[in-house]
Amino acid sequence: MSEESGVENVAAAELRAFIERIERLEEEKQTIAEDIKEVFGEAKGRGYDTKVMKTVIRLRKKDANERLEEESILQTYLAALGME
């Protein structure tokens, strides 16, 4: 076996391992997405507005200053459009 052939085999094995790991993670991601959808379905069944819940989740991910700035800009835009 030549040295080049050995390198190709190692690279192919490493590449295969990366691809298989990514595929497993994609499967896990799909399972988690289905679980999240199920929880939203339960919340909707209990009368919660899931669209608003998604907004709250998005806002909770942001830093407080970033959130305040976004809310301020939103209020400015709404006022400019006569929606306030």
PDB file of N, CA and C in Angstrom:
ATOM      1  N   MET A   1       0.854  -1.172   0.000  1.00  0.00           N
ATOM      2  CA  MET A   1       0.000   0.000   0.000  1.00  0.00           C
ATOM      3  C   MET A   1       0.898   1.232   0.000  1.00  0.00           C
ATOM      4  N   SER A   2       0.619   2.153  -0.902  1.00  0.00           N
ATOM      5  CA  SER A   2       1.421   3.362  -0.975  1.00  0.00           C
ATOM      6  C   SER A   2       0.986   4.331   0.110  1.00  0.00           C
ATOM      7  N   GLU A   3       1.867   5.278   0.405  1.00  0.00           N
ATOM      8  CA  GLU A   3       1.560   6.276   1.434  1.00  0.00           C
ATOM      9  C   GLU A   3       0.357   7.120   1.018  1.00  0.00           C
ATOM     10  N   GLU A   4       0.266   7.461  -0.279  1.00  0.00           N
ATOM     11  CA  GLU A   4      -0.846   8.264  -0.773  1.00  0.00           C
ATOM     12  C   GLU A   4      -2.170   7.522  -0.605  1.00  0.00           C
ATOM     13  N   SER A   5      -2.191   6.255  -0.878  1.00  0.00           N
ATOM     14  CA  SER A   5      -3.396   5.444  -0.728  1.00  0.00           C
ATOM     15  C   SER A   5      -3.828   5.398   0.735  1.00  0.00           C
ATOM     16  N   GLY A   6      -2.863   5.306   1.641  1.00  0.00           N
ATOM     17  CA  GLY A   6      -3.167   5.293   3.070  1.00  0.00           C
ATOM     18  C   GLY A   6      -3.788   6.598   3.512  1.00  0.00           C
ATOM     19  N   VAL A   7      -3.264   7.713   3.003  1.00  0.00           N
ATOM     20  CA  VAL A   7      -3.804   9.030   3.335  1.00  0.00           C
ATOM     21  C   VAL A   7      -5.234   9.145   2.813  1.00  0.00           C
ATOM     22  N   GLU A   8      -5.479   8.660   1.600  1.00  0.00           N
ATOM     23  CA  GLU A   8      -6.819   8.704   1.023  1.00  0.00           C
ATOM     24  C   GLU A   8      -7.793   7.892   1.860  1.00  0.00           C
ATOM     25  N   ASN A   9      -7.353   6.721   2.344  1.00  0.00           N
ATOM     26  CA  ASN A   9      -8.219   5.883   3.173  1.00  0.00           C
ATOM     27  C   ASN A   9      -8.549   6.573   4.491  1.00  0.00           C
ATOM     28  N   VAL A  10      -7.543   7.217   5.102  1.00  0.00           N
ATOM     29  CA  VAL A  10      -7.764   7.919   6.360  1.00  0.00           C
ATOM     30  C   VAL A  10      -8.705   9.097   6.123  1.00  0.00           C
ATOM     31  N   ALA A  11      -8.480   9.853   5.069  1.00  0.00           N
ATOM     32  CA  ALA A  11      -9.328  11.006   4.763  1.00  0.00           C
ATOM     33  C   ALA A  11     -10.757  10.551   4.478  1.00  0.00           C
ATOM     34  N   ALA A  12     -10.910   9.463   3.748  1.00  0.00           N
ATOM     35  CA  ALA A  12     -12.241   8.949   3.438  1.00  0.00           C
ATOM     36  C   ALA A  12     -12.940   8.488   4.711  1.00  0.00           C
ATOM     37  N   ALA A  13     -12.208   7.815   5.591  1.00  0.00           N
ATOM     38  CA  ALA A  13     -12.794   7.343   6.846  1.00  0.00           C
ATOM     39  C   ALA A  13     -13.192   8.517   7.724  1.00  0.00           C
ATOM     40  N   GLU A  14     -12.337   9.515   7.778  1.00  0.00           N
ATOM     41  CA  GLU A  14     -12.636  10.697   8.583  1.00  0.00           C
ATOM     42  C   GLU A  14     -13.856  11.435   8.022  1.00  0.00           C
ATOM     43  N   LEU A  15     -13.907  11.586   6.703  1.00  0.00           N
ATOM     44  CA  LEU A  15     -15.029  12.240   6.048  1.00  0.00           C
ATOM     45  C   LEU A  15     -16.318  11.475   6.323  1.00  0.00           C
ATOM     46  N   ARG A  16     -16.268  10.166   6.200  1.00  0.00           N
ATOM     47  CA  ARG A  16     -17.435   9.330   6.462  1.00  0.00           C
ATOM     48  C   ARG A  16     -17.917   9.522   7.905  1.00  0.00           C
ATOM     49  N   ALA A  17     -16.981   9.580   8.850  1.00  0.00           N
ATOM     50  CA  ALA A  17     -17.334   9.770  10.252  1.00  0.00           C
ATOM     51  C   ALA A  17     -18.028  11.117  10.462  1.00  0.00           C
ATOM     52  N   PHE A  18     -17.501  12.169   9.829  1.00  0.00           N
ATOM     53  CA  PHE A  18     -18.147  13.486   9.933  1.00  0.00           C
ATOM     54  C   PHE A  18     -19.566  13.451   9.371  1.00  0.00           C
ATOM     55  N   ILE A  19     -19.716  12.862   8.203  1.00  0.00           N
ATOM     56  CA  ILE A  19     -21.027  12.788   7.548  1.00  0.00           C
ATOM     57  C   ILE A  19     -22.005  12.010   8.416  1.00  0.00           C
ATOM     58  N   GLU A  20     -21.580  10.886   8.963  1.00  0.00           N
ATOM     59  CA  GLU A  20     -22.461  10.069   9.799  1.00  0.00           C
ATOM     60  C   GLU A  20     -22.856  10.806  11.078  1.00  0.00           C
ATOM     61  N   ARG A  21     -21.910  11.553  11.667  1.00  0.00           N
ATOM     62  CA  ARG A  21     -22.244  12.348  12.859  1.00  0.00           C
ATOM     63  C   ARG A  21     -23.284  13.412  12.533  1.00  0.00           C
ATOM     64  N   ILE A  22     -23.090  14.082  11.406  1.00  0.00           N
ATOM     65  CA  ILE A  22     -24.037  15.119  10.987  1.00  0.00           C
ATOM     66  C   ILE A  22     -25.412  14.504  10.734  1.00  0.00           C
ATOM     67  N   GLU A  23     -25.439  13.346  10.084  1.00  0.00           N
ATOM     68  CA  GLU A  23     -26.719  12.682   9.831  1.00  0.00           C
ATOM     69  C   GLU A  23     -27.432  12.331  11.132  1.00  0.00           C
ATOM     70  N   ARG A  24     -26.708  11.842  12.122  1.00  0.00           N
ATOM     71  CA  ARG A  24     -27.310  11.517  13.426  1.00  0.00           C
ATOM     72  C   ARG A  24     -27.854  12.779  14.091  1.00  0.00           C
ATOM     73  N   LEU A  25     -27.082  13.857  14.023  1.00  0.00           N
ATOM     74  CA  LEU A  25     -27.531  15.123  14.614  1.00  0.00           C
ATOM     75  C   LEU A  25     -28.768  15.665  13.896  1.00  0.00           C
ATOM     76  N   GLU A  26     -28.822  15.517  12.585  1.00  0.00           N
ATOM     77  CA  GLU A  26     -29.997  15.947  11.823  1.00  0.00           C
ATOM     78  C   GLU A  26     -31.231  15.154  12.266  1.00  0.00           C
ATOM     79  N   GLU A  27     -31.064  13.859  12.516  1.00  0.00           N
ATOM     80  CA  GLU A  27     -32.173  13.033  13.008  1.00  0.00           C
ATOM     81  C   GLU A  27     -32.632  13.521  14.381  1.00  0.00           C
ATOM     82  N   GLU A  28     -31.667  13.820  15.256  1.00  0.00           N
ATOM     83  CA  GLU A  28     -32.000  14.331  16.586  1.00  0.00           C
ATOM     84  C   GLU A  28     -32.711  15.677  16.485  1.00  0.00           C
ATOM     85  N   LYS A  29     -32.232  16.519  15.562  1.00  0.00           N
ATOM     86  CA  LYS A  29     -32.834  17.836  15.374  1.00  0.00           C
ATOM     87  C   LYS A  29     -34.289  17.688  14.939  1.00  0.00           C
ATOM     88  N   GLN A  30     -34.562  16.742  14.054  1.00  0.00           N
ATOM     89  CA  GLN A  30     -35.927  16.505  13.578  1.00  0.00           C
ATOM     90  C   GLN A  30     -36.807  16.024  14.726  1.00  0.00           C
ATOM     91  N   THR A  31     -36.277  15.157  15.570  1.00  0.00           N
ATOM     92  CA  THR A  31     -37.033  14.665  16.724  1.00  0.00           C
ATOM     93  C   THR A  31     -37.347  15.814  17.681  1.00  0.00           C
ATOM     94  N   ILE A  32     -36.367  16.667  17.926  1.00  0.00           N
ATOM     95  CA  ILE A  32     -36.574  17.815  18.816  1.00  0.00           C
ATOM     96  C   ILE A  32     -37.602  18.768  18.213  1.00  0.00           C
ATOM     97  N   ALA A  33     -37.536  19.009  16.912  1.00  0.00           N
ATOM     98  CA  ALA A  33     -38.503  19.892  16.246  1.00  0.00           C
ATOM     99  C   ALA A  33     -39.920  19.330  16.398  1.00  0.00           C
ATOM    100  N   GLU A  34     -40.054  18.024  16.286  1.00  0.00           N
ATOM    101  CA  GLU A  34     -41.370  17.393  16.460  1.00  0.00           C
ATOM    102  C   GLU A  34     -41.844  17.543  17.900  1.00  0.00           C
ATOM    103  N   ASP A  35     -40.926  17.408  18.866  1.00  0.00           N
ATOM    104  CA  ASP A  35     -41.273  17.584  20.279  1.00  0.00           C
ATOM    105  C   ASP A  35     -41.741  19.008  20.553  1.00  0.00           C
ATOM    106  N   ILE A  36     -41.050  19.981  19.977  1.00  0.00           N
ATOM    107  CA  ILE A  36     -41.418  21.389  20.165  1.00  0.00           C
ATOM    108  C   ILE A  36     -42.808  21.640  19.572  1.00  0.00           C
ATOM    109  N   LYS A  37     -43.046  21.106  18.397  1.00  0.00           N
ATOM    110  CA  LYS A  37     -44.350  21.259  17.751  1.00  0.00           C
ATOM    111  C   LYS A  37     -45.447  20.667  18.642  1.00  0.00           C
ATOM    112  N   GLU A  38     -45.159  19.548  19.254  1.00  0.00           N
ATOM    113  CA  GLU A  38     -46.117  18.889  20.145  1.00  0.00           C
ATOM    114  C   GLU A  38     -46.424  19.765  21.366  1.00  0.00           C
ATOM    115  N   VAL A  39     -45.395  20.382  21.937  1.00  0.00           N
ATOM    116  CA  VAL A  39     -45.593  21.258  23.100  1.00  0.00           C
ATOM    117  C   VAL A  39     -46.433  22.471  22.704  1.00  0.00           C
ATOM    118  N   PHE A  40     -46.158  23.047  21.544  1.00  0.00           N
ATOM    119  CA  PHE A  40     -46.978  24.167  21.071  1.00  0.00           C
ATOM    120  C   PHE A  40     -48.428  23.714  20.873  1.00  0.00           C
ATOM    121  N   GLY A  41     -48.615  22.514  20.373  1.00  0.00           N
ATOM    122  CA  GLY A  41     -49.967  21.979  20.200  1.00  0.00           C
ATOM    123  C   GLY A  41     -50.686  21.846  21.536  1.00  0.00           C
ATOM    124  N   GLU A  42     -49.970  21.372  22.555  1.00  0.00           N
ATOM    125  CA  GLU A  42     -50.551  21.264  23.898  1.00  0.00           C
ATOM    126  C   GLU A  42     -50.935  22.645  24.421  1.00  0.00           C
ATOM    127  N   ALA A  43     -50.044  23.619  24.235  1.00  0.00           N
ATOM    128  CA  ALA A  43     -50.313  24.979  24.711  1.00  0.00           C
ATOM    129  C   ALA A  43     -51.532  25.560  23.994  1.00  0.00           C
ATOM    130  N   LYS A  44     -51.608  25.338  22.692  1.00  0.00           N
ATOM    131  CA  LYS A  44     -52.748  25.838  21.914  1.00  0.00           C
ATOM    132  C   LYS A  44     -54.037  25.194  22.408  1.00  0.00           C
ATOM    133  N   GLY A  45     -53.968  23.910  22.707  1.00  0.00           N
ATOM    134  CA  GLY A  45     -55.126  23.201  23.226  1.00  0.00           C
ATOM    135  C   GLY A  45     -55.593  23.748  24.569  1.00  0.00           C
ATOM    136  N   ARG A  46     -54.689  24.343  25.306  1.00  0.00           N
ATOM    137  CA  ARG A  46     -55.019  24.938  26.608  1.00  0.00           C
ATOM    138  C   ARG A  46     -55.416  26.403  26.480  1.00  0.00           C
ATOM    139  N   GLY A  47     -55.473  26.906  25.222  1.00  0.00           N
ATOM    140  CA  GLY A  47     -55.960  28.253  24.989  1.00  0.00           C
ATOM    141  C   GLY A  47     -54.891  29.323  24.838  1.00  0.00           C
ATOM    142  N   TYR A  48     -53.632  28.939  24.819  1.00  0.00           N
ATOM    143  CA  TYR A  48     -52.567  29.929  24.652  1.00  0.00           C
ATOM    144  C   TYR A  48     -52.383  30.275  23.185  1.00  0.00           C
ATOM    145  N   ASP A  49     -51.995  31.520  22.927  1.00  0.00           N
ATOM    146  CA  ASP A  49     -51.720  31.988  21.573  1.00  0.00           C
ATOM    147  C   ASP A  49     -50.273  31.619  21.240  1.00  0.00           C
ATOM    148  N   THR A  50     -50.103  30.629  20.393  1.00  0.00           N
ATOM    149  CA  THR A  50     -48.749  30.125  20.119  1.00  0.00           C
ATOM    150  C   THR A  50     -47.909  31.122  19.323  1.00  0.00           C
ATOM    151  N   LYS A  51     -48.546  31.961  18.532  1.00  0.00           N
ATOM    152  CA  LYS A  51     -47.792  32.983  17.790  1.00  0.00           C
ATOM    153  C   LYS A  51     -47.143  33.953  18.776  1.00  0.00           C
ATOM    154  N   VAL A  52     -47.902  34.347  19.797  1.00  0.00           N
ATOM    155  CA  VAL A  52     -47.359  35.247  20.814  1.00  0.00           C
ATOM    156  C   VAL A  52     -46.286  34.522  21.626  1.00  0.00           C
ATOM    157  N   MET A  53     -46.505  33.250  21.924  1.00  0.00           N
ATOM    158  CA  MET A  53     -45.495  32.479  22.657  1.00  0.00           C
ATOM    159  C   MET A  53     -44.175  32.451  21.887  1.00  0.00           C
ATOM    160  N   LYS A  54     -44.247  32.267  20.588  1.00  0.00           N
ATOM    161  CA  LYS A  54     -43.031  32.239  19.766  1.00  0.00           C
ATOM    162  C   LYS A  54     -42.325  33.592  19.811  1.00  0.00           C
ATOM    163  N   THR A  55     -43.109  34.673  19.825  1.00  0.00           N
ATOM    164  CA  THR A  55     -42.525  36.014  19.933  1.00  0.00           C
ATOM    165  C   THR A  55     -41.825  36.173  21.273  1.00  0.00           C
ATOM    166  N   VAL A  56     -42.475  35.717  22.344  1.00  0.00           N
ATOM    167  CA  VAL A  56     -41.874  35.806  23.678  1.00  0.00           C
ATOM    168  C   VAL A  56     -40.559  35.018  23.709  1.00  0.00           C
ATOM    169  N   ILE A  57     -40.548  33.835  23.147  1.00  0.00           N
ATOM    170  CA  ILE A  57     -39.329  33.006  23.121  1.00  0.00           C
ATOM    171  C   ILE A  57     -38.219  33.728  22.359  1.00  0.00           C
ATOM    172  N   ARG A  58     -38.587  34.332  21.218  1.00  0.00           N
ATOM    173  CA  ARG A  58     -37.594  35.065  20.425  1.00  0.00           C
ATOM    174  C   ARG A  58     -37.035  36.241  21.223  1.00  0.00           C
ATOM    175  N   LEU A  59     -37.920  36.960  21.923  1.00  0.00           N
ATOM    176  CA  LEU A  59     -37.479  38.117  22.698  1.00  0.00           C
ATOM    177  C   LEU A  59     -36.621  37.706  23.893  1.00  0.00           C
ATOM    178  N   ARG A  60     -36.932  36.585  24.515  1.00  0.00           N
ATOM    179  CA  ARG A  60     -36.159  36.123  25.677  1.00  0.00           C
ATOM    180  C   ARG A  60     -34.721  35.764  25.302  1.00  0.00           C
ATOM    181  N   LYS A  61     -34.497  35.464  24.048  1.00  0.00           N
ATOM    182  CA  LYS A  61     -33.152  35.121  23.585  1.00  0.00           C
ATOM    183  C   LYS A  61     -32.258  36.359  23.463  1.00  0.00           C
ATOM    184  N   LYS A  62     -32.905  37.525  23.424  1.00  0.00           N
ATOM    185  CA  LYS A  62     -32.155  38.766  23.208  1.00  0.00           C
ATOM    186  C   LYS A  62     -31.701  39.370  24.530  1.00  0.00           C
ATOM    187  N   ASP A  63     -30.657  40.114  24.449  1.00  0.00           N
ATOM    188  CA  ASP A  63     -30.152  40.921  25.558  1.00  0.00           C
ATOM    189  C   ASP A  63     -31.186  42.010  25.861  1.00  0.00           C
ATOM    190  N   ALA A  64     -31.317  42.398  27.131  1.00  0.00           N
ATOM    191  CA  ALA A  64     -32.318  43.387  27.545  1.00  0.00           C
ATOM    192  C   ALA A  64     -32.174  44.702  26.783  1.00  0.00           C
ATOM    193  N   ASN A  65     -30.952  45.172  26.592  1.00  0.00           N
ATOM    194  CA  ASN A  65     -30.741  46.428  25.858  1.00  0.00           C
ATOM    195  C   ASN A  65     -31.166  46.302  24.400  1.00  0.00           C
ATOM    196  N   GLU A  66     -30.845  45.181  23.793  1.00  0.00           N
ATOM    197  CA  GLU A  66     -31.225  44.950  22.407  1.00  0.00           C
ATOM    198  C   GLU A  66     -32.755  44.916  22.288  1.00  0.00           C
ATOM    199  N   ARG A  67     -33.402  44.283  23.246  1.00  0.00           N
ATOM    200  CA  ARG A  67     -34.852  44.189  23.255  1.00  0.00           C
ATOM    201  C   ARG A  67     -35.489  45.580  23.411  1.00  0.00           C
ATOM    202  N   LEU A  68     -34.965  46.382  24.342  1.00  0.00           N
ATOM    203  CA  LEU A  68     -35.489  47.736  24.548  1.00  0.00           C
ATOM    204  C   LEU A  68     -35.307  48.600  23.309  1.00  0.00           C
ATOM    205  N   GLU A  69     -34.152  48.486  22.672  1.00  0.00           N
ATOM    206  CA  GLU A  69     -33.889  49.248  21.445  1.00  0.00           C
ATOM    207  C   GLU A  69     -34.873  48.852  20.345  1.00  0.00           C
ATOM    208  N   GLU A  70     -35.098  47.541  20.197  1.00  0.00           N
ATOM    209  CA  GLU A  70     -36.029  47.061  19.180  1.00  0.00           C
ATOM    210  C   GLU A  70     -37.445  47.571  19.462  1.00  0.00           C
ATOM    211  N   GLU A  71     -37.866  47.523  20.728  1.00  0.00           N
ATOM    212  CA  GLU A  71     -39.198  47.995  21.095  1.00  0.00           C
ATOM    213  C   GLU A  71     -39.336  49.497  20.842  1.00  0.00           C
ATOM    214  N   SER A  72     -38.284  50.252  21.131  1.00  0.00           N
ATOM    215  CA  SER A  72     -38.294  51.695  20.900  1.00  0.00           C
ATOM    216  C   SER A  72     -38.440  52.009  19.416  1.00  0.00           C
ATOM    217  N   ILE A  73     -37.691  51.318  18.600  1.00  0.00           N
ATOM    218  CA  ILE A  73     -37.763  51.530  17.144  1.00  0.00           C
ATOM    219  C   ILE A  73     -39.147  51.141  16.633  1.00  0.00           C
ATOM    220  N   LEU A  74     -39.688  50.031  17.145  1.00  0.00           N
ATOM    221  CA  LEU A  74     -41.017  49.606  16.740  1.00  0.00           C
ATOM    222  C   LEU A  74     -42.050  50.674  17.076  1.00  0.00           C
ATOM    223  N   GLN A  75     -41.976  51.236  18.287  1.00  0.00           N
ATOM    224  CA  GLN A  75     -42.908  52.295  18.689  1.00  0.00           C
ATOM    225  C   GLN A  75     -42.771  53.518  17.778  1.00  0.00           C
ATOM    226  N   THR A  76     -41.543  53.868  17.421  1.00  0.00           N
ATOM    227  CA  THR A  76     -41.300  55.001  16.522  1.00  0.00           C
ATOM    228  C   THR A  76     -41.942  54.748  15.161  1.00  0.00           C
ATOM    229  N   TYR A  77     -41.764  53.544  14.622  1.00  0.00           N
ATOM    230  CA  TYR A  77     -42.333  53.204  13.326  1.00  0.00           C
ATOM    231  C   TYR A  77     -43.861  53.220  13.380  1.00  0.00           C
ATOM    232  N   LEU A  78     -44.427  52.631  14.435  1.00  0.00           N
ATOM    233  CA  LEU A  78     -45.883  52.596  14.565  1.00  0.00           C
ATOM    234  C   LEU A  78     -46.451  54.015  14.658  1.00  0.00           C
ATOM    235  N   ALA A  79     -45.781  54.875  15.427  1.00  0.00           N
ATOM    236  CA  ALA A  79     -46.223  56.278  15.550  1.00  0.00           C
ATOM    237  C   ALA A  79     -46.138  56.991  14.202  1.00  0.00           C
ATOM    238  N   ALA A  80     -45.059  56.745  13.471  1.00  0.00           N
ATOM    239  CA  ALA A  80     -44.885  57.388  12.168  1.00  0.00           C
ATOM    240  C   ALA A  80     -45.983  56.960  11.178  1.00  0.00           C
ATOM    241  N   LEU A  81     -46.504  55.753  11.363  1.00  0.00           N
ATOM    242  CA  LEU A  81     -47.554  55.250  10.475  1.00  0.00           C
ATOM    243  C   LEU A  81     -48.949  55.539  11.033  1.00  0.00           C
ATOM    244  N   GLY A  82     -49.023  56.258  12.152  1.00  0.00           N
ATOM    245  CA  GLY A  82     -50.310  56.597  12.737  1.00  0.00           C
ATOM    246  C   GLY A  82     -51.021  55.409  13.346  1.00  0.00           C
ATOM    247  N   MET A  83     -50.276  54.434  13.779  1.00  0.00           N
ATOM    248  CA  MET A  83     -50.862  53.212  14.332  1.00  0.00           C
ATOM    249  C   MET A  83     -50.891  53.237  15.857  1.00  0.00           C
ATOM    250  N   GLU A  84     -50.537  54.357  16.461  1.00  0.00           N
ATOM    251  CA  GLU A  84     -50.527  54.471  17.929  1.00  0.00           C
ATOM    252  C   GLU A  84     -51.556  55.452  18.370  1.00  0.00           C
TER     253      GLU A  84
END
